[in-house]
Amino acid sequence: MNREFLINIAFLISINLLIKPFFIFGIDRTVQNVVGVDSYGTYFALLNFTYLLQIFNDFGIHGFNNRNIARHGHLLEKYLPNILVLKCFLGLFFILLTFLVAWIAGYRTHFHLILFIAVNQIFISLILYLRSNISGLAMYRMDSVLSALDKLLMIFFIGILLWVSPFKEHFTIEYFIYGQTLALLITAAIAFGIIYKKISKIRFRFKPVFLKLILKESYPFALVVFLMMAYTRIDGVMIERLLPDGPYEAGVYASAFRLLDAGNMVGFLFAGLLLPMFSRMIKAKESVKSLLRFSILLIWGGAISLAIATFFYSVDIMNLLYVEATPYWGTILQYLMISFIAISGIHIFGTLLTANGALMKLNKIFLIGVLLNIVFNYFFIFKMKAEGAALVTVVTQYFVLFAEIALILKMFRLKVDYQIVGKIISFMVVFILLSYLLYNYSDFDWKYNFFINVTGGLVLALIFKLIDISAIYQFKSDFGK
């Protein structure tokens, strides 16, 4: 299973590293620079607002389906048509509810943006559901291609609008949203076509009893998604709503959050591959300790290297990327990159808990995280604006990380591996010291220093065996047999 995971994650990361970074920094960042901080900040707040209502759009069907199809692939033909009918009803309800809550929240002048953003969320949910069937059937490489296809299409469509006359002279945030809609629609159609070839027939029938059963089984997953979205996305909404200069501060926060999202991409991809793998291993009563250890060390080897290097060069990075950046923007990025290490671990530990069906316990952790986030944000946003929200993100994410670790140790009857803990701490201390020396005493341009810093972190991770090269060679050897 380790070998299978390594091969698929390598393929998945390779595809996404070719496409998604270009979208994030070439398209999404350019859009913010073109339309302005305030306009993009409003979009960012509206996007996060729709994320908070995502529970009514997906209702946990994606997570429920990924786990169950991985265990019982023969159920695809039975589940698919019924769930697609259910998602149509949920999507309609989601749009109506979004407009109602938006009206109450005071977003009445932005209904035209909210409509298309909500439609995009419906397509994203549909694609994730279709991909959960594909990964559940162990078609990991095809799932990897689909994970980046929408971004590739967005690069094409939105790139034309950004860089080709006469569109570029009149580019607005609406163009950005419309381009996403078209790209997501095409991706959903292709994903459905792939699944359609795997089943003999599809008969769409409205079966209230069956749909009710699915909702009953999936609601714990829905609660997980809702609470996770709430404690990670509500800050953008609160910044925009609470402050007099809310759109600007939300735009500043979005500029740093974009880099967090970029780094977080790998962890999200890890989770997508690990969920069906952990599910199969748990069902077969196999020990997950080896895969858990391998995946957490692998992801932290990269995450810690990137986070610490970005922390030191945060102001330079923001000045390079954004035309309106100030040192204040760099401070926000520093906080978010500290939280990035915790988020990377949450992807791994949270996925294991989901695969084991510990959703209600996971929900309790997330609920406390939401409460901490809302209460602390209310006080810190007024005092420190976007910087306060970034600081609260650090507190919340590390609380969730340590709570998940404690739950896994208890649930799987594992003991703290002090050798691993010591290895991680030693690696961090040495790397921080070397990064400090490089930052303060090197005469190279900061771009070269940053590259050297990240590369040195990865080399150091190999030395400390966070990235275990001997295990990788063993997996490659086994694969060649």
Protein backbone atom coordinates (compact mmCIF):
# COMPACT_ATOMS: atom_id res chain seq x y z
CA MET A 1 0.00 0.00 0.00
CA ASN A 2 2.92 2.36 0.68
CA ARG A 3 4.28 1.69 -2.82
CA GLU A 4 0.88 2.30 -4.39
CA PHE A 5 0.47 5.51 -2.42
CA LEU A 6 3.93 6.78 -3.39
CA ILE A 7 3.44 6.14 -7.11
CA ASN A 8 0.02 7.76 -7.21
CA ILE A 9 0.96 10.77 -5.09
CA ALA A 10 4.04 11.34 -7.30
CA PHE A 11 1.85 11.30 -10.41
CA LEU A 12 -0.77 13.48 -8.76
CA ILE A 13 1.72 16.08 -7.53
CA SER A 14 3.54 16.16 -10.87
CA ILE A 15 0.35 17.02 -12.76
CA ASN A 16 -0.80 19.59 -10.25
CA LEU A 17 2.61 21.24 -9.92
CA LEU A 18 2.56 21.83 -13.66
CA ILE A 19 -0.88 23.42 -13.75
CA LYS A 20 -2.22 24.73 -10.44
CA PRO A 21 0.71 27.01 -9.48
CA PHE A 22 0.43 28.69 -12.87
CA PHE A 23 -3.28 29.25 -12.29
CA ILE A 24 -2.77 30.59 -8.77
CA PHE A 25 0.11 32.92 -9.55
CA GLY A 26 -0.40 33.54 -13.26
CA ILE A 27 -4.19 33.90 -13.36
CA ASP A 28 -5.70 34.36 -9.89
CA ARG A 29 -2.98 36.73 -8.68
CA THR A 30 -3.09 38.71 -11.92
CA VAL A 31 -6.84 39.09 -11.57
CA GLN A 32 -6.38 40.70 -8.14
CA ASN A 33 -3.72 43.06 -9.47
CA VAL A 34 -5.95 44.03 -12.43
CA VAL A 35 -9.31 44.50 -10.66
CA GLY A 36 -7.82 45.95 -7.45
CA VAL A 37 -7.64 44.90 -3.81
CA ASP A 38 -11.14 46.12 -2.89
CA SER A 39 -12.91 44.41 -5.79
CA TYR A 40 -11.07 41.14 -5.26
CA GLY A 41 -11.61 41.42 -1.50
CA THR A 42 -15.37 41.58 -2.06
CA TYR A 43 -15.18 38.49 -4.29
CA PHE A 44 -13.07 36.68 -1.68
CA ALA A 45 -15.64 37.44 1.03
CA LEU A 46 -18.55 36.30 -1.17
CA LEU A 47 -16.69 33.11 -2.07
CA ASN A 48 -16.07 32.31 1.59
CA PHE A 49 -19.69 33.17 2.33
CA THR A 50 -20.89 30.48 -0.09
CA TYR A 51 -18.40 28.03 1.42
CA LEU A 52 -20.16 28.44 4.76
CA LEU A 53 -23.40 27.17 3.19
CA GLN A 54 -21.70 24.33 1.30
CA ILE A 55 -23.17 21.78 3.70
CA PHE A 56 -26.54 22.22 1.99
CA ASN A 57 -24.98 21.79 -1.44
CA ASP A 58 -23.03 18.59 -0.83
CA PHE A 59 -24.41 17.28 2.47
CA GLY A 60 -21.39 15.05 2.95
CA ILE A 61 -22.12 12.94 -0.13
CA HIS A 62 -18.57 13.31 -1.45
CA GLY A 63 -16.91 11.95 1.70
CA PHE A 64 -19.57 9.30 2.27
CA ASN A 65 -19.32 8.08 -1.32
CA ASN A 66 -15.52 8.06 -1.43
CA ARG A 67 -15.35 5.88 1.66
CA ASN A 68 -18.13 3.48 0.62
CA ILE A 69 -17.24 3.01 -3.05
CA ALA A 70 -13.65 2.27 -1.99
CA ARG A 71 -15.03 -0.56 0.16
CA HIS A 72 -17.91 -1.69 -2.07
CA GLY A 73 -17.22 -0.81 -5.71
CA HIS A 74 -20.20 -2.83 -6.94
CA LEU A 75 -22.57 -0.24 -5.42
CA LEU A 76 -21.61 2.41 -7.98
CA GLU A 77 -24.31 1.46 -10.46
CA LYS A 78 -26.95 1.60 -7.73
CA TYR A 79 -25.77 4.77 -6.03
CA LEU A 80 -24.84 6.97 -9.00
CA PRO A 81 -28.26 7.75 -10.57
CA ASN A 82 -29.96 8.21 -7.20
CA ILE A 83 -27.25 10.49 -5.83
CA LEU A 84 -27.23 12.60 -9.01
CA VAL A 85 -30.98 13.18 -8.59
CA LEU A 86 -30.39 14.07 -4.95
CA LYS A 87 -27.64 16.52 -5.87
CA CYS A 88 -30.00 18.31 -8.25
CA PHE A 89 -32.44 18.95 -5.40
CA LEU A 90 -29.64 19.96 -3.05
CA GLY A 91 -28.18 22.35 -5.62
CA LEU A 92 -31.51 24.12 -6.10
CA PHE A 93 -32.03 24.39 -2.36
CA PHE A 94 -28.46 25.68 -1.94
CA ILE A 95 -29.01 28.52 -4.42
CA LEU A 96 -32.31 29.59 -2.82
CA LEU A 97 -30.82 29.45 0.69
CA THR A 98 -27.72 31.36 -0.43
CA PHE A 99 -29.85 34.22 -1.75
CA LEU A 100 -31.94 34.29 1.42
CA VAL A 101 -28.93 34.40 3.77
CA ALA A 102 -27.14 36.89 1.49
CA TRP A 103 -30.15 39.20 1.68
CA ILE A 104 -30.15 38.96 5.49
CA ALA A 105 -26.36 39.51 5.67
CA GLY A 106 -26.58 42.69 3.60
CA TYR A 107 -25.14 41.43 0.31
CA ARG A 108 -28.16 42.65 -1.71
CA THR A 109 -26.08 44.66 -4.17
CA HIS A 110 -23.99 41.60 -5.08
CA PHE A 111 -26.72 39.12 -6.08
CA HIS A 112 -25.42 38.81 -9.65
CA LEU A 113 -21.99 37.72 -8.36
CA ILE A 114 -23.46 35.44 -5.72
CA LEU A 115 -25.57 33.59 -8.32
CA PHE A 116 -22.60 32.55 -10.45
CA ILE A 117 -20.36 31.87 -7.45
CA ALA A 118 -23.08 29.56 -6.08
CA VAL A 119 -23.42 27.82 -9.45
CA ASN A 120 -19.65 27.31 -9.47
CA GLN A 121 -19.87 25.75 -6.02
CA ILE A 122 -22.51 23.34 -7.32
CA PHE A 123 -20.22 22.30 -10.18
CA ILE A 124 -17.26 21.91 -7.80
CA SER A 125 -19.36 19.69 -5.53
CA LEU A 126 -20.51 17.63 -8.52
CA ILE A 127 -16.95 17.18 -9.77
CA LEU A 128 -15.74 16.09 -6.32
CA TYR A 129 -18.58 13.56 -6.15
CA LEU A 130 -17.81 12.17 -9.61
CA ARG A 131 -14.11 12.03 -8.75
CA SER A 132 -14.91 10.16 -5.52
CA ASN A 133 -16.39 7.40 -7.68
CA ILE A 134 -13.32 7.35 -9.89
CA SER A 135 -10.85 7.20 -6.98
CA GLY A 136 -13.12 4.75 -5.15
CA LEU A 137 -12.74 2.41 -8.12
CA ALA A 138 -8.93 2.74 -7.73
CA MET A 139 -8.59 4.82 -10.95
CA TYR A 140 -6.13 7.07 -9.14
CA ARG A 141 -4.27 8.36 -12.18
CA MET A 142 -7.47 9.37 -13.94
CA ASP A 143 -8.59 11.11 -10.75
CA SER A 144 -5.25 12.92 -10.71
CA VAL A 145 -5.81 14.25 -14.23
CA LEU A 146 -9.32 15.44 -13.36
CA SER A 147 -8.02 17.17 -10.21
CA ALA A 148 -6.20 19.69 -12.41
CA LEU A 149 -8.36 19.78 -15.53
CA ASP A 150 -10.63 22.62 -14.40
CA LYS A 151 -7.60 24.79 -13.61
CA LEU A 152 -6.08 24.04 -17.02
CA LEU A 153 -9.29 25.13 -18.72
CA MET A 154 -9.47 28.26 -16.55
CA ILE A 155 -5.93 29.16 -17.58
CA PHE A 156 -7.06 29.02 -21.20
CA PHE A 157 -10.39 30.83 -20.89
CA ILE A 158 -9.44 33.48 -18.34
CA GLY A 159 -6.00 33.91 -19.88
CA ILE A 160 -7.66 34.98 -23.12
CA LEU A 161 -9.78 37.52 -21.24
CA LEU A 162 -6.75 38.85 -19.34
CA TRP A 163 -4.22 39.08 -22.12
CA VAL A 164 -6.09 39.32 -25.44
CA SER A 165 -7.70 42.52 -26.73
CA PRO A 166 -10.38 43.84 -26.56
CA PHE A 167 -11.20 41.98 -23.31
CA LYS A 168 -8.11 42.91 -21.30
CA GLU A 169 -8.88 46.63 -21.36
CA HIS A 170 -12.26 46.04 -19.69
CA PHE A 171 -11.54 43.01 -17.50
CA THR A 172 -13.70 42.77 -14.37
CA ILE A 173 -14.14 40.26 -11.57
CA GLU A 174 -17.30 39.06 -13.36
CA TYR A 175 -15.19 37.79 -16.27
CA PHE A 176 -13.13 35.77 -13.81
CA ILE A 177 -16.25 34.15 -12.33
CA TYR A 178 -17.80 33.41 -15.75
CA GLY A 179 -14.59 31.75 -16.94
CA GLN A 180 -14.66 29.47 -13.91
CA THR A 181 -18.25 28.48 -14.67
CA LEU A 182 -17.41 27.35 -18.19
CA ALA A 183 -14.29 25.43 -17.11
CA LEU A 184 -16.12 23.62 -14.30
CA LEU A 185 -19.02 22.69 -16.58
CA ILE A 186 -16.68 21.04 -19.10
CA THR A 187 -14.75 19.20 -16.35
CA ALA A 188 -17.97 17.84 -14.84
CA ALA A 189 -19.12 16.58 -18.26
CA ILE A 190 -15.82 14.77 -18.87
CA ALA A 191 -15.84 13.18 -15.39
CA PHE A 192 -19.39 11.95 -15.93
CA GLY A 193 -18.40 10.50 -19.31
CA ILE A 194 -15.57 8.51 -17.71
CA ILE A 195 -17.88 7.01 -15.10
CA TYR A 196 -20.60 6.34 -17.66
CA LYS A 197 -18.23 3.98 -19.51
CA LYS A 198 -17.68 1.97 -16.31
CA ILE A 199 -21.31 1.03 -15.70
CA SER A 200 -23.70 -0.85 -17.92
CA LYS A 201 -26.69 1.46 -17.57
CA ILE A 202 -28.00 4.51 -15.73
CA ARG A 203 -31.65 4.82 -14.81
CA PHE A 204 -32.57 8.04 -13.12
CA ARG A 205 -35.36 7.36 -10.65
CA PHE A 206 -36.78 9.34 -7.80
CA LYS A 207 -36.76 7.02 -4.80
CA PRO A 208 -37.53 9.00 -1.64
CA VAL A 209 -36.75 6.08 0.66
CA PHE A 210 -33.33 5.52 -0.88
CA LEU A 211 -32.52 9.25 -0.94
CA LYS A 212 -33.53 9.54 2.70
CA LEU A 213 -31.22 6.65 3.54
CA ILE A 214 -28.29 8.34 1.76
CA LEU A 215 -28.92 11.60 3.60
CA LYS A 216 -29.04 9.74 6.90
CA GLU A 217 -25.73 8.04 6.19
CA SER A 218 -24.00 11.13 4.80
CA TYR A 219 -25.02 13.79 7.32
CA PRO A 220 -22.03 13.15 9.64
CA PHE A 221 -19.78 13.82 6.63
CA ALA A 222 -21.83 16.95 5.91
CA LEU A 223 -21.25 18.22 9.42
CA VAL A 224 -17.50 17.61 9.08
CA VAL A 225 -17.39 19.63 5.85
CA PHE A 226 -19.51 22.44 7.30
CA LEU A 227 -17.49 22.81 10.49
CA MET A 228 -14.18 22.56 8.65
CA MET A 229 -15.30 25.22 6.19
CA ALA A 230 -16.58 27.39 9.04
CA TYR A 231 -13.33 27.53 10.99
CA THR A 232 -11.20 28.00 7.85
CA ARG A 233 -13.39 30.35 5.80
CA ILE A 234 -15.38 32.50 8.19
CA ASP A 235 -12.45 34.86 8.78
CA GLY A 236 -12.68 36.29 5.26
CA VAL A 237 -16.38 37.05 5.72
CA MET A 238 -15.88 38.56 9.20
CA ILE A 239 -13.07 40.84 7.98
CA GLU A 240 -15.23 42.20 5.16
CA ARG A 241 -18.35 42.61 7.33
CA LEU A 242 -16.84 43.95 10.58
CA LEU A 243 -14.40 46.60 9.37
CA PRO A 244 -15.15 49.97 7.74
CA ASP A 245 -12.43 49.21 5.17
CA GLY A 246 -13.51 45.57 5.06
CA PRO A 247 -13.17 44.97 1.28
CA TYR A 248 -9.58 46.25 1.30
CA GLU A 249 -8.56 44.24 4.39
CA ALA A 250 -10.27 41.13 2.96
CA GLY A 251 -8.29 41.65 -0.25
CA VAL A 252 -5.04 41.90 1.71
CA TYR A 253 -5.91 38.72 3.61
CA ALA A 254 -6.82 37.01 0.32
CA SER A 255 -3.41 37.88 -1.14
CA ALA A 256 -1.64 35.98 1.66
CA PHE A 257 -4.28 33.25 1.83
CA ARG A 258 -3.64 32.56 -1.86
CA LEU A 259 -0.11 31.43 -1.03
CA LEU A 260 -1.43 29.30 1.83
CA ASP A 261 -3.84 27.70 -0.64
CA ALA A 262 -1.00 27.07 -3.07
CA GLY A 263 1.05 25.27 -0.45
CA ASN A 264 -2.02 23.51 0.87
CA MET A 265 -2.67 22.01 -2.55
CA VAL A 266 -0.36 19.06 -1.91
CA GLY A 267 -1.99 18.23 1.44
CA PHE A 268 -5.42 18.29 -0.14
CA LEU A 269 -4.22 15.90 -2.85
CA PHE A 270 -2.67 13.62 -0.22
CA ALA A 271 -6.01 13.44 1.58
CA GLY A 272 -7.89 12.56 -1.59
CA LEU A 273 -5.62 9.58 -2.21
CA LEU A 274 -5.32 8.49 1.41
CA LEU A 275 -9.05 8.29 2.18
CA PRO A 276 -9.84 5.26 -0.02
CA MET A 277 -6.53 3.63 0.94
CA PHE A 278 -7.08 4.01 4.67
CA SER A 279 -10.68 2.81 4.22
CA ARG A 280 -9.59 -0.38 2.49
CA MET A 281 -6.88 -1.08 5.06
CA ILE A 282 -9.25 -0.56 7.99
CA LYS A 283 -11.86 -2.82 6.43
CA ALA A 284 -9.21 -5.51 5.87
CA LYS A 285 -8.04 -5.04 9.49
CA GLU A 286 -4.56 -4.05 8.32
CA SER A 287 -2.39 -1.79 10.43
CA VAL A 288 -2.39 1.81 9.22
CA LYS A 289 0.64 2.76 11.30
CA SER A 290 3.18 2.35 8.50
CA LEU A 291 1.23 4.35 5.91
CA LEU A 292 0.37 7.02 8.50
CA ARG A 293 3.99 7.41 9.55
CA PHE A 294 5.23 7.45 5.96
CA SER A 295 2.69 10.03 4.77
CA ILE A 296 3.00 12.42 7.74
CA LEU A 297 6.81 12.51 7.58
CA LEU A 298 6.71 12.95 3.82
CA ILE A 299 4.26 15.84 3.88
CA TRP A 300 5.90 17.57 6.84
CA GLY A 301 9.34 17.29 5.23
CA GLY A 302 8.08 19.51 2.43
CA ALA A 303 5.63 21.65 4.41
CA ILE A 304 8.11 22.69 7.11
CA SER A 305 10.75 23.53 4.49
CA LEU A 306 8.36 25.73 2.51
CA ALA A 307 6.76 27.36 5.56
CA ILE A 308 10.00 28.41 7.25
CA ALA A 309 11.61 29.66 4.04
CA THR A 310 8.50 31.69 3.17
CA PHE A 311 8.39 33.10 6.71
CA PHE A 312 11.83 34.69 6.31
CA TYR A 313 11.19 36.12 2.84
CA SER A 314 7.49 36.98 3.27
CA VAL A 315 7.79 40.74 2.59
CA ASP A 316 9.96 40.18 -0.50
CA ILE A 317 7.50 37.60 -1.84
CA MET A 318 4.48 39.85 -1.38
CA ASN A 319 6.25 42.81 -2.98
CA LEU A 320 7.13 40.62 -5.95
CA LEU A 321 3.59 39.32 -6.43
CA TYR A 322 1.39 42.33 -5.71
CA VAL A 323 1.58 45.88 -6.98
CA GLU A 324 0.03 47.36 -3.80
CA ALA A 325 1.91 45.22 -1.24
CA THR A 326 3.39 46.64 1.98
CA PRO A 327 5.32 45.04 4.89
CA TYR A 328 1.92 44.60 6.58
CA TRP A 329 0.99 42.12 3.85
CA GLY A 330 4.16 40.15 4.61
CA THR A 331 3.30 39.91 8.32
CA ILE A 332 -0.05 38.32 7.48
CA LEU A 333 1.71 35.80 5.24
CA GLN A 334 4.08 34.89 8.08
CA TYR A 335 1.20 33.96 10.37
CA LEU A 336 -0.56 31.94 7.70
CA MET A 337 2.58 29.98 6.83
CA ILE A 338 3.05 29.06 10.49
CA SER A 339 -0.47 27.62 10.38
CA PHE A 340 0.39 25.82 7.13
CA ILE A 341 2.45 23.22 9.02
CA ALA A 342 -0.55 22.36 11.20
CA ILE A 343 -2.94 22.28 8.23
CA SER A 344 -0.68 19.81 6.41
CA GLY A 345 -0.86 17.45 9.37
CA ILE A 346 -4.63 17.91 9.71
CA HIS A 347 -5.07 16.63 6.15
CA ILE A 348 -3.41 13.35 7.10
CA PHE A 349 -4.82 12.78 10.58
CA GLY A 350 -8.30 14.02 9.67
CA THR A 351 -8.42 11.69 6.68
CA LEU A 352 -7.57 8.70 8.86
CA LEU A 353 -10.31 9.59 11.35
CA THR A 354 -12.80 9.99 8.50
CA ALA A 355 -11.83 6.63 7.02
CA ASN A 356 -12.35 5.02 10.42
CA GLY A 357 -15.84 6.49 10.72
CA ALA A 358 -15.01 8.71 13.72
CA LEU A 359 -17.02 11.56 12.28
CA MET A 360 -18.95 12.58 15.36
CA LYS A 361 -15.76 12.83 17.42
CA LEU A 362 -14.11 14.73 14.59
CA ASN A 363 -17.11 17.06 14.49
CA LYS A 364 -16.68 17.87 18.18
CA ILE A 365 -13.10 18.95 17.51
CA PHE A 366 -14.17 21.11 14.59
CA LEU A 367 -17.05 22.62 16.55
CA ILE A 368 -14.67 23.80 19.27
CA GLY A 369 -12.41 25.11 16.51
CA VAL A 370 -15.30 27.10 15.03
CA LEU A 371 -16.20 28.62 18.39
CA LEU A 372 -12.57 29.56 19.07
CA ASN A 373 -12.28 31.06 15.61
CA ILE A 374 -15.44 33.19 15.84
CA VAL A 375 -14.82 34.46 19.38
CA PHE A 376 -11.13 35.25 18.86
CA ASN A 377 -11.75 36.76 15.42
CA TYR A 378 -14.38 39.10 16.80
CA PHE A 379 -11.87 40.63 19.20
CA PHE A 380 -8.67 40.43 17.14
CA ILE A 381 -10.12 41.67 13.84
CA PHE A 382 -11.26 44.90 15.49
CA LYS A 383 -7.83 45.38 17.08
CA MET A 384 -5.47 44.06 14.39
CA LYS A 385 -7.67 43.79 11.27
CA ALA A 386 -6.51 41.12 8.77
CA GLU A 387 -3.37 40.47 10.83
CA GLY A 388 -5.59 39.53 13.77
CA ALA A 389 -7.50 37.02 11.64
CA ALA A 390 -4.20 35.45 10.55
CA LEU A 391 -3.07 35.13 14.18
CA VAL A 392 -6.36 33.45 15.11
CA THR A 393 -5.86 31.01 12.24
CA VAL A 394 -2.60 29.85 13.84
CA VAL A 395 -4.28 29.21 17.20
CA THR A 396 -7.25 27.39 15.69
CA GLN A 397 -5.29 25.15 13.34
CA TYR A 398 -2.85 23.96 15.99
CA PHE A 399 -5.70 23.23 18.39
CA VAL A 400 -7.36 21.03 15.76
CA LEU A 401 -4.06 19.31 14.92
CA PHE A 402 -3.22 18.30 18.50
CA ALA A 403 -6.82 17.27 19.22
CA GLU A 404 -6.82 14.97 16.17
CA ILE A 405 -3.48 13.44 17.16
CA ALA A 406 -4.78 12.74 20.68
CA LEU A 407 -7.92 11.12 19.28
CA ILE A 408 -5.96 8.89 16.89
CA LEU A 409 -3.59 7.74 19.63
CA LYS A 410 -6.59 6.72 21.72
CA MET A 411 -8.69 5.23 18.92
CA PHE A 412 -5.95 3.12 17.31
CA ARG A 413 -4.24 2.35 20.63
CA LEU A 414 -0.99 3.87 19.48
CA LYS A 415 1.75 5.35 21.63
CA VAL A 416 3.57 8.58 20.98
CA ASP A 417 6.61 7.76 18.84
CA TYR A 418 9.18 9.96 20.55
CA GLN A 419 11.76 9.05 17.92
CA ILE A 420 9.58 10.66 15.23
CA VAL A 421 8.78 13.64 17.45
CA GLY A 422 12.47 14.17 18.19
CA LYS A 423 13.33 13.84 14.52
CA ILE A 424 10.78 16.49 13.51
CA ILE A 425 11.77 18.94 16.27
CA SER A 426 15.49 18.50 15.56
CA PHE A 427 14.91 19.08 11.87
CA MET A 428 12.93 22.27 12.56
CA VAL A 429 15.49 23.71 14.98
CA VAL A 430 18.43 23.08 12.65
CA PHE A 431 16.55 24.38 9.62
CA ILE A 432 15.39 27.56 11.36
CA LEU A 433 18.98 28.27 12.45
CA LEU A 434 20.36 27.71 8.95
CA SER A 435 17.56 29.82 7.44
CA TYR A 436 18.34 32.66 9.85
CA LEU A 437 22.02 32.59 8.93
CA LEU A 438 21.25 32.52 5.21
CA TYR A 439 18.75 35.38 5.50
CA ASN A 440 21.05 37.65 7.51
CA TYR A 441 24.49 36.90 6.12
CA SER A 442 24.10 35.95 2.46
CA ASP A 443 24.90 38.57 -0.19
CA PHE A 444 22.88 36.87 -2.92
CA ASP A 445 19.63 38.31 -4.26
CA TRP A 446 16.70 37.22 -2.06
CA LYS A 447 15.22 35.10 -4.87
CA TYR A 448 18.35 32.94 -4.97
CA ASN A 449 18.39 32.78 -1.19
CA PHE A 450 14.77 31.65 -1.10
CA PHE A 451 15.45 28.91 -3.64
CA ILE A 452 18.54 27.79 -1.72
CA ASN A 453 16.53 27.88 1.52
CA VAL A 454 13.71 25.65 0.25
CA THR A 455 16.09 23.28 -1.50
CA GLY A 456 18.27 23.11 1.61
CA GLY A 457 15.20 22.26 3.68
CA LEU A 458 14.37 19.32 1.42
CA VAL A 459 17.98 18.09 1.57
CA LEU A 460 17.91 18.42 5.35
CA ALA A 461 14.62 16.48 5.41
CA LEU A 462 16.42 13.67 3.57
CA ILE A 463 19.30 13.78 6.05
CA PHE A 464 16.91 13.58 9.01
CA LYS A 465 14.92 10.91 7.09
CA LEU A 466 11.65 12.74 7.18
CA ILE A 467 11.75 11.91 3.51
CA ASP A 468 13.07 8.36 3.65
CA ILE A 469 14.99 7.78 0.43
CA SER A 470 15.68 4.13 1.28
CA ALA A 471 11.95 3.45 1.55
CA ILE A 472 11.37 5.19 -1.78
CA TYR A 473 13.99 3.03 -3.49
CA GLN A 474 12.42 -0.06 -1.95
CA PHE A 475 8.98 0.89 -3.27
CA LYS A 476 10.40 1.56 -6.72
CA SER A 477 12.16 -1.81 -6.66
CA ASP A 478 8.97 -3.60 -5.66
CA PHE A 479 7.05 -1.83 -8.40
CA GLY A 480 9.48 -3.00 -11.04
CA LYS A 481 9.00 -6.67 -10.19
